Amino acid sequence: MYGFRQFIAASAVASLAACSTVMPTAPSGFLSDYSALAGVSDESFASRAATDPIDPARVSVDAVTWRVAGTIDVSSEERESLLAQMRSELQRQVRALPARPQGRPAVLRAAITRIETVSPVLNTLSALLLTVPLDRGGAAVEIEAVDPQTGRQLAALTQGYFAPLSELRARFSKLAAAEIAVRKAAVDFAPLLLAVPDAGNAGNAGNKTALR
C-alpha cells in the first residue's frame, strides 16, 4: 500500500511538471546588454521595449545563431530548420506591425540558446500508463534590436518556454515543442519594437502573449 501511495504521489508531481510551461533561463552572453531587461519572478522571461519609434519597413534580420551549450540529439539539418523558422517568423511578425514611417531603422539579432527535445516513445508509454505524456519539450531564445549605426540596443527579449500540454500533438514529435517555443518568442518580441515611453526602465513583461 505504501509503495502504491508513493507511486501515485510521484505520478501526480510528474503530471504537474508536465503541464508547466515555465523554462527558467540564464543569460547566454549573446545579447549586447542585459542590464536594462525587466523580468518575471520565475526567470523564464525578461524584456526591454523600445523607447523611440522604429519603422518596421526599415527593420532587417541579421544574425540568427545557435548558442545551445553541450551535446543534444539534434542533427545539423534540424538545427538549420529551427534557425530558418526563427528568421522567417521574426520577419513575418515585423511585417505585421503598424507602419511607423517616421521611425528609425533597426537590425534584429537572435539566438536559440536551449533546446529540449521530446521522446515520442517515452510519451506514448507514459500516456498509456498515466494518461499524460510526461516528456515535455521547448526552447529558450534571445532576441534584440540594435541601431545599425551604433550597435546600441533598442529592444530585447530573453524567453524560455515549454510547449503547454494543450499542444498535445507536440508531445509526440521530437522538435514540434521547440518550434512552438521559437514561434512564441518571435510573437512576443515584435510588440517590443513599438515605442513605449520610459519602457527602458519599466520593461515590458506585460506584453507577453497569453499562452501559459
Protein backbone atom coordinates (compact mmCIF):
# COMPACT_ATOMS: atom_id res chain seq x y z
CA MET A 1 0.00 0.00 0.00
CA TYR A 2 2.83 2.42 0.91
CA GLY A 3 4.58 1.74 -2.39
CA PHE A 4 1.35 2.36 -4.27
CA ARG A 5 0.86 5.69 -2.50
CA GLN A 6 4.42 6.67 -3.37
CA PHE A 7 3.74 5.81 -6.99
CA ILE A 8 0.55 7.91 -7.03
CA ALA A 9 2.32 10.86 -5.40
CA ALA A 10 5.24 10.67 -7.80
CA SER A 11 2.86 10.41 -10.73
CA ALA A 12 0.95 13.48 -9.55
CA VAL A 13 4.15 15.51 -9.23
CA ALA A 14 5.33 14.39 -12.65
CA SER A 15 1.95 15.23 -14.17
CA LEU A 16 2.03 18.73 -12.70
CA ALA A 17 5.56 19.28 -14.02
CA ALA A 18 4.46 18.08 -17.43
CA CYS A 19 1.78 20.79 -17.52
CA SER A 20 4.10 23.69 -16.70
CA THR A 21 5.34 25.96 -19.49
CA VAL A 22 8.00 27.67 -17.35
CA MET A 23 11.59 27.20 -18.54
CA PRO A 24 13.96 29.29 -16.38
CA THR A 25 16.74 30.84 -18.42
CA ALA A 26 20.13 32.39 -17.72
CA PRO A 27 21.93 34.98 -19.87
CA SER A 28 23.93 33.24 -22.59
CA GLY A 29 26.12 36.22 -23.41
CA PHE A 30 24.59 36.64 -26.87
CA LEU A 31 22.79 39.93 -26.22
CA SER A 32 24.83 43.12 -26.28
CA ASP A 33 23.25 44.26 -22.99
CA TYR A 34 21.25 42.56 -20.25
CA SER A 35 21.22 45.37 -17.71
CA ALA A 36 18.03 47.08 -18.92
CA LEU A 37 15.87 43.94 -19.14
CA ALA A 38 12.99 43.60 -16.70
CA GLY A 39 11.92 40.06 -15.91
CA VAL A 40 9.36 37.95 -14.12
CA SER A 41 9.83 36.05 -10.87
CA ASP A 42 10.20 32.60 -12.47
CA GLU A 43 13.15 33.81 -14.60
CA SER A 44 11.58 32.49 -17.79
CA PHE A 45 11.11 35.89 -19.41
CA ALA A 46 12.79 39.29 -19.47
CA SER A 47 12.36 42.14 -21.90
CA ARG A 48 13.17 45.69 -22.84
CA ALA A 49 10.79 47.68 -25.04
CA ALA A 50 11.87 50.40 -27.44
CA THR A 51 11.55 53.99 -26.24
CA ASP A 52 11.92 55.55 -29.71
CA PRO A 53 9.71 54.77 -32.71
CA ILE A 54 11.04 52.03 -35.01
CA ASP A 55 9.87 51.77 -38.61
CA PRO A 56 9.00 48.10 -39.37
CA ALA A 57 9.75 48.75 -43.06
CA ARG A 58 13.34 49.58 -42.09
CA VAL A 59 13.89 46.55 -39.86
CA SER A 60 16.16 43.77 -41.13
CA VAL A 61 17.03 40.41 -39.61
CA ASP A 62 20.78 39.86 -39.40
CA ALA A 63 22.31 37.09 -37.31
CA VAL A 64 20.17 34.12 -36.25
CA THR A 65 22.53 31.76 -34.50
CA TRP A 66 22.76 28.54 -32.50
CA ARG A 67 24.07 29.10 -28.98
CA VAL A 68 22.99 25.83 -27.36
CA ALA A 69 25.62 24.58 -24.94
CA GLY A 70 26.57 20.93 -24.72
CA THR A 71 25.61 18.00 -26.90
CA ILE A 72 21.99 17.34 -27.74
CA ASP A 73 20.25 14.95 -30.10
CA VAL A 74 19.65 17.47 -32.88
CA SER A 75 21.08 16.97 -36.37
CA SER A 76 22.60 19.77 -38.41
CA GLU A 77 19.55 19.68 -40.70
CA GLU A 78 17.17 20.01 -37.73
CA ARG A 79 19.25 22.84 -36.32
CA GLU A 80 19.19 24.75 -39.60
CA SER A 81 15.45 24.19 -39.87
CA LEU A 82 14.85 25.72 -36.43
CA LEU A 83 17.08 28.69 -37.23
CA ALA A 84 15.29 29.24 -40.54
CA GLN A 85 11.96 29.14 -38.74
CA MET A 86 13.22 31.70 -36.22
CA ARG A 87 14.26 34.04 -39.01
CA SER A 88 11.08 33.68 -41.06
CA GLU A 89 8.83 34.08 -38.00
CA LEU A 90 10.64 37.26 -36.96
CA GLN A 91 10.25 38.66 -40.46
CA ARG A 92 6.57 37.76 -40.51
CA GLN A 93 5.84 39.34 -37.13
CA VAL A 94 7.70 42.55 -38.02
CA ARG A 95 5.77 42.85 -41.29
CA ALA A 96 2.52 42.64 -39.31
CA LEU A 97 3.39 45.67 -37.15
CA PRO A 98 1.68 49.03 -37.86
CA ALA A 99 3.58 51.43 -40.09
CA ARG A 100 5.91 53.95 -38.44
CA PRO A 101 7.26 55.96 -41.42
CA GLN A 102 8.95 58.46 -39.11
CA GLY A 103 10.62 55.72 -37.09
CA ARG A 104 14.26 54.73 -37.01
CA PRO A 105 15.83 51.65 -38.64
CA ALA A 106 16.84 48.62 -36.62
CA VAL A 107 18.68 45.35 -37.09
CA LEU A 108 17.47 42.19 -35.35
CA ARG A 109 19.78 39.57 -33.88
CA ALA A 110 18.51 36.29 -32.44
CA ALA A 111 19.90 33.13 -30.91
CA ILE A 112 18.44 29.82 -29.83
CA THR A 113 20.18 29.14 -26.50
CA ARG A 114 18.48 25.98 -25.24
CA ILE A 115 16.57 23.12 -26.82
CA GLU A 116 14.59 20.41 -25.04
CA THR A 117 13.56 17.66 -27.41
CA VAL A 118 10.70 15.23 -26.88
CA SER A 119 10.86 11.45 -26.83
CA PRO A 120 7.76 10.24 -28.71
CA VAL A 121 8.33 6.68 -27.44
CA LEU A 122 8.53 7.75 -23.79
CA ASN A 123 5.44 9.90 -24.14
CA THR A 124 3.49 7.10 -25.76
CA LEU A 125 4.33 4.83 -22.81
CA SER A 126 3.58 7.47 -20.17
CA ALA A 127 0.31 8.34 -21.88
CA LEU A 128 -0.71 4.68 -21.76
CA LEU A 129 0.32 4.20 -18.13
CA LEU A 130 -0.50 7.60 -16.62
CA THR A 131 -2.79 9.14 -19.26
CA VAL A 132 -0.33 12.08 -19.51
CA PRO A 133 2.67 12.32 -21.89
CA LEU A 134 5.29 13.39 -19.34
CA ASP A 135 8.24 14.31 -21.54
CA ARG A 136 7.89 17.99 -22.47
CA GLY A 137 9.90 19.96 -24.97
CA GLY A 138 10.62 23.60 -25.69
CA ALA A 139 13.30 26.16 -26.30
CA ALA A 140 14.98 29.27 -24.93
CA VAL A 141 15.60 32.22 -27.22
CA GLU A 142 17.32 35.60 -27.01
CA ILE A 143 16.44 38.40 -29.43
CA GLU A 144 17.46 42.04 -29.68
CA ALA A 145 17.02 45.04 -31.96
CA VAL A 146 20.07 47.27 -32.32
CA ASP A 147 20.84 50.56 -34.00
CA PRO A 148 22.50 49.71 -37.34
CA GLN A 149 24.98 52.59 -36.98
CA THR A 150 25.97 52.47 -33.32
CA GLY A 151 25.04 48.92 -32.30
CA ARG A 152 23.14 50.30 -29.31
CA GLN A 153 20.41 48.01 -28.06
CA LEU A 154 16.90 49.33 -28.72
CA ALA A 155 14.75 46.41 -27.57
CA ALA A 156 15.41 42.90 -26.33
CA LEU A 157 13.86 39.69 -25.05
CA THR A 158 15.01 36.51 -23.35
CA GLN A 159 12.46 33.74 -23.06
CA GLY A 160 12.33 30.09 -22.13
CA TYR A 161 9.16 28.16 -22.88
CA PHE A 162 7.93 24.58 -22.66
CA ALA A 163 5.04 23.87 -25.02
CA PRO A 164 1.81 23.51 -23.00
CA LEU A 165 0.01 20.21 -22.59
CA SER A 166 -2.82 21.64 -24.69
CA GLU A 167 -0.43 21.28 -27.64
CA LEU A 168 -0.85 17.54 -27.33
CA ARG A 169 0.46 16.64 -30.77
CA ALA A 170 3.76 18.34 -29.94
CA ARG A 171 4.29 15.75 -27.19
CA PHE A 172 4.69 13.07 -29.85
CA SER A 173 7.12 14.86 -32.18
CA LYS A 174 10.79 15.36 -31.42
CA LEU A 175 11.04 19.08 -32.22
CA ALA A 176 7.44 20.31 -32.52
CA ALA A 177 7.52 21.75 -29.00
CA ALA A 178 10.75 23.63 -29.72
CA GLU A 179 9.18 25.02 -32.88
CA ILE A 180 6.23 26.29 -30.84
CA ALA A 181 8.62 27.98 -28.39
CA VAL A 182 10.60 29.64 -31.19
CA ARG A 183 7.39 30.92 -32.77
CA LYS A 184 6.14 32.27 -29.43
CA ALA A 185 9.40 34.15 -28.85
CA ALA A 186 9.02 35.95 -32.18
CA VAL A 187 5.37 36.76 -31.43
CA ASP A 188 6.29 38.17 -28.01
CA PHE A 189 9.26 40.14 -29.29
CA ALA A 190 7.62 42.06 -32.14
CA PRO A 191 5.44 44.32 -29.92
CA LEU A 192 8.57 45.43 -28.08
CA LEU A 193 9.52 47.39 -31.20
CA LEU A 194 6.52 49.66 -30.66
CA ALA A 195 7.76 52.69 -28.74
CA VAL A 196 6.62 52.85 -25.11
CA PRO A 197 7.52 55.93 -23.02
CA ASP A 198 10.05 55.06 -20.30
CA ALA A 199 9.98 51.43 -21.40
CA GLY A 200 13.71 51.16 -20.87
CA ASN A 201 13.14 51.41 -17.14
CA ALA A 202 9.78 49.71 -16.83
CA GLY A 203 10.43 46.71 -19.06
CA ASN A 204 7.61 45.12 -20.96
CA ALA A 205 6.68 41.92 -19.18
CA GLY A 206 3.01 42.75 -19.61
CA ASN A 207 3.22 42.35 -23.39
CA LYS A 208 3.66 38.60 -23.31
CA THR A 209 1.05 36.67 -25.21
CA ALA A 210 -1.32 34.71 -23.04
CA LEU A 211 -0.20 31.20 -23.93
CA ARG A 212 0.80 30.00 -20.47
